[in-house]
Amino acid sequence: MCSAEPINCFPMLVNILSNTFLRLFNSTARIRIWSEPFYSTQSPEIKSDIFFICLSYMLTLAAGLPPHFAVSSMEDYKVKSM
């Protein structure tokens, strides 16, 4: 009924138990449980916004790395480390 991963198996177990208790009490209602462990974006606008946020973050990191290495090399040169 479910895979071995606990994140997928727990909702199925809760569904089975809750529907079993409902049947024991002669109820005609049923409970459905589903799991979405990861946030899913359906609209293309949100996907493009997330893409541009990640792109700007990566460009900021890429612009900051070369000065870091240059300063590190200059400090090594001043200390005369080998």
C-alpha atoms as a PDB file:
ATOM      1  CA  MET A   1       0.000   0.000   0.000  1.00  0.00           C
ATOM      2  CA  CYS A   2       2.875   2.383   0.640  1.00  0.00           C
ATOM      3  CA  SER A   3       6.586   2.577   0.033  1.00  0.00           C
ATOM      4  CA  ALA A   4       9.173   1.971   2.717  1.00  0.00           C
ATOM      5  CA  GLU A   5       9.815   5.682   3.213  1.00  0.00           C
ATOM      6  CA  PRO A   6       8.167   6.949   6.418  1.00  0.00           C
ATOM      7  CA  ILE A   7       7.187  10.291   4.883  1.00  0.00           C
ATOM      8  CA  ASN A   8       4.943   8.434   2.409  1.00  0.00           C
ATOM      9  CA  CYS A   9       3.796   5.610   4.663  1.00  0.00           C
ATOM     10  CA  PHE A  10       2.507   7.597   7.654  1.00  0.00           C
ATOM     11  CA  PRO A  11      -0.386   9.346   5.839  1.00  0.00           C
ATOM     12  CA  MET A  12      -1.488   6.007   4.409  1.00  0.00           C
ATOM     13  CA  LEU A  13      -1.424   4.425   7.863  1.00  0.00           C
ATOM     14  CA  VAL A  14      -3.487   7.267   9.324  1.00  0.00           C
ATOM     15  CA  ASN A  15      -5.961   6.913   6.473  1.00  0.00           C
ATOM     16  CA  ILE A  16      -6.375   3.172   7.045  1.00  0.00           C
ATOM     17  CA  LEU A  17      -6.811   3.578  10.799  1.00  0.00           C
ATOM     18  CA  SER A  18      -9.264   6.455  10.575  1.00  0.00           C
ATOM     19  CA  ASN A  19     -11.434   4.698   8.016  1.00  0.00           C
ATOM     20  CA  THR A  20     -11.366   1.521  10.111  1.00  0.00           C
ATOM     21  CA  PHE A  21     -12.628   3.430  13.148  1.00  0.00           C
ATOM     22  CA  LEU A  22     -15.328   5.069  11.049  1.00  0.00           C
ATOM     23  CA  ARG A  23     -16.540   1.660   9.855  1.00  0.00           C
ATOM     24  CA  LEU A  24     -16.552   0.341  13.429  1.00  0.00           C
ATOM     25  CA  PHE A  25     -18.934   3.134  14.411  1.00  0.00           C
ATOM     26  CA  ASN A  26     -21.201   2.448  11.381  1.00  0.00           C
ATOM     27  CA  SER A  27     -20.433   5.705   9.646  1.00  0.00           C
ATOM     28  CA  THR A  28     -20.766   6.191   5.913  1.00  0.00           C
ATOM     29  CA  ALA A  29     -18.196   8.985   5.791  1.00  0.00           C
ATOM     30  CA  ARG A  30     -14.666   8.389   4.616  1.00  0.00           C
ATOM     31  CA  ILE A  31     -11.475  10.312   5.294  1.00  0.00           C
ATOM     32  CA  ARG A  32      -8.918  10.912   2.573  1.00  0.00           C
ATOM     33  CA  ILE A  33      -5.340  11.802   3.478  1.00  0.00           C
ATOM     34  CA  TRP A  34      -2.597  12.778   1.069  1.00  0.00           C
ATOM     35  CA  SER A  35       0.953  13.905   1.474  1.00  0.00           C
ATOM     36  CA  GLU A  36       2.888  16.575  -0.375  1.00  0.00           C
ATOM     37  CA  PRO A  37       6.304  16.629   1.294  1.00  0.00           C
ATOM     38  CA  PHE A  38       7.674  19.319  -1.028  1.00  0.00           C
ATOM     39  CA  TYR A  39       6.124  22.629  -1.923  1.00  0.00           C
ATOM     40  CA  SER A  40       4.959  22.461  -5.505  1.00  0.00           C
ATOM     41  CA  THR A  41       4.508  25.555  -7.600  1.00  0.00           C
ATOM     42  CA  GLN A  42       1.914  25.333 -10.312  1.00  0.00           C
ATOM     43  CA  SER A  43       1.988  28.831 -11.775  1.00  0.00           C
ATOM     44  CA  PRO A  44       4.778  29.790 -14.188  1.00  0.00           C
ATOM     45  CA  GLU A  45       5.041  33.274 -12.628  1.00  0.00           C
ATOM     46  CA  ILE A  46       6.138  31.824  -9.296  1.00  0.00           C
ATOM     47  CA  LYS A  47       8.642  29.536 -11.014  1.00  0.00           C
ATOM     48  CA  SER A  48      10.178  32.450 -12.901  1.00  0.00           C
ATOM     49  CA  ASP A  49      10.327  34.549  -9.709  1.00  0.00           C
ATOM     50  CA  ILE A  50      12.130  31.752  -7.872  1.00  0.00           C
ATOM     51  CA  PHE A  51      14.507  31.353 -10.812  1.00  0.00           C
ATOM     52  CA  PHE A  52      15.422  35.057 -10.857  1.00  0.00           C
ATOM     53  CA  ILE A  53      15.897  35.162  -7.083  1.00  0.00           C
ATOM     54  CA  CYS A  54      18.265  32.187  -7.265  1.00  0.00           C
ATOM     55  CA  LEU A  55      20.057  33.670 -10.272  1.00  0.00           C
ATOM     56  CA  SER A  56      20.608  37.014  -8.554  1.00  0.00           C
ATOM     57  CA  TYR A  57      21.874  35.237  -5.426  1.00  0.00           C
ATOM     58  CA  MET A  58      24.344  33.175  -7.474  1.00  0.00           C
ATOM     59  CA  LEU A  59      25.549  36.261  -9.362  1.00  0.00           C
ATOM     60  CA  THR A  60      26.133  38.067  -6.067  1.00  0.00           C
ATOM     61  CA  LEU A  61      28.165  35.122  -4.805  1.00  0.00           C
ATOM     62  CA  ALA A  62      30.134  34.936  -8.048  1.00  0.00           C
ATOM     63  CA  ALA A  63      30.954  38.649  -7.840  1.00  0.00           C
ATOM     64  CA  GLY A  64      32.175  38.332  -4.256  1.00  0.00           C
ATOM     65  CA  LEU A  65      34.452  35.325  -4.589  1.00  0.00           C
ATOM     66  CA  PRO A  66      37.358  36.722  -6.695  1.00  0.00           C
ATOM     67  CA  PRO A  67      38.082  39.625  -4.289  1.00  0.00           C
ATOM     68  CA  HIS A  68      38.114  37.159  -1.417  1.00  0.00           C
ATOM     69  CA  PHE A  69      40.811  35.078  -3.106  1.00  0.00           C
ATOM     70  CA  ALA A  70      42.792  38.203  -4.056  1.00  0.00           C
ATOM     71  CA  VAL A  71      42.789  39.512  -0.476  1.00  0.00           C
ATOM     72  CA  SER A  72      43.805  36.092   0.805  1.00  0.00           C
ATOM     73  CA  SER A  73      46.744  35.977  -1.640  1.00  0.00           C
ATOM     74  CA  MET A  74      47.869  39.492  -0.662  1.00  0.00           C
ATOM     75  CA  GLU A  75      47.807  38.597   3.032  1.00  0.00           C
ATOM     76  CA  ASP A  76      49.916  35.526   2.297  1.00  0.00           C
ATOM     77  CA  TYR A  77      52.359  37.718   0.361  1.00  0.00           C
ATOM     78  CA  LYS A  78      52.620  40.242   3.223  1.00  0.00           C
ATOM     79  CA  VAL A  79      53.295  37.522   5.781  1.00  0.00           C
ATOM     80  CA  LYS A  80      55.697  35.866   3.310  1.00  0.00           C
ATOM     81  CA  SER A  81      54.125  32.475   3.767  1.00  0.00           C
ATOM     82  CA  MET A  82      55.136  29.749   1.420  1.00  0.00           C
END
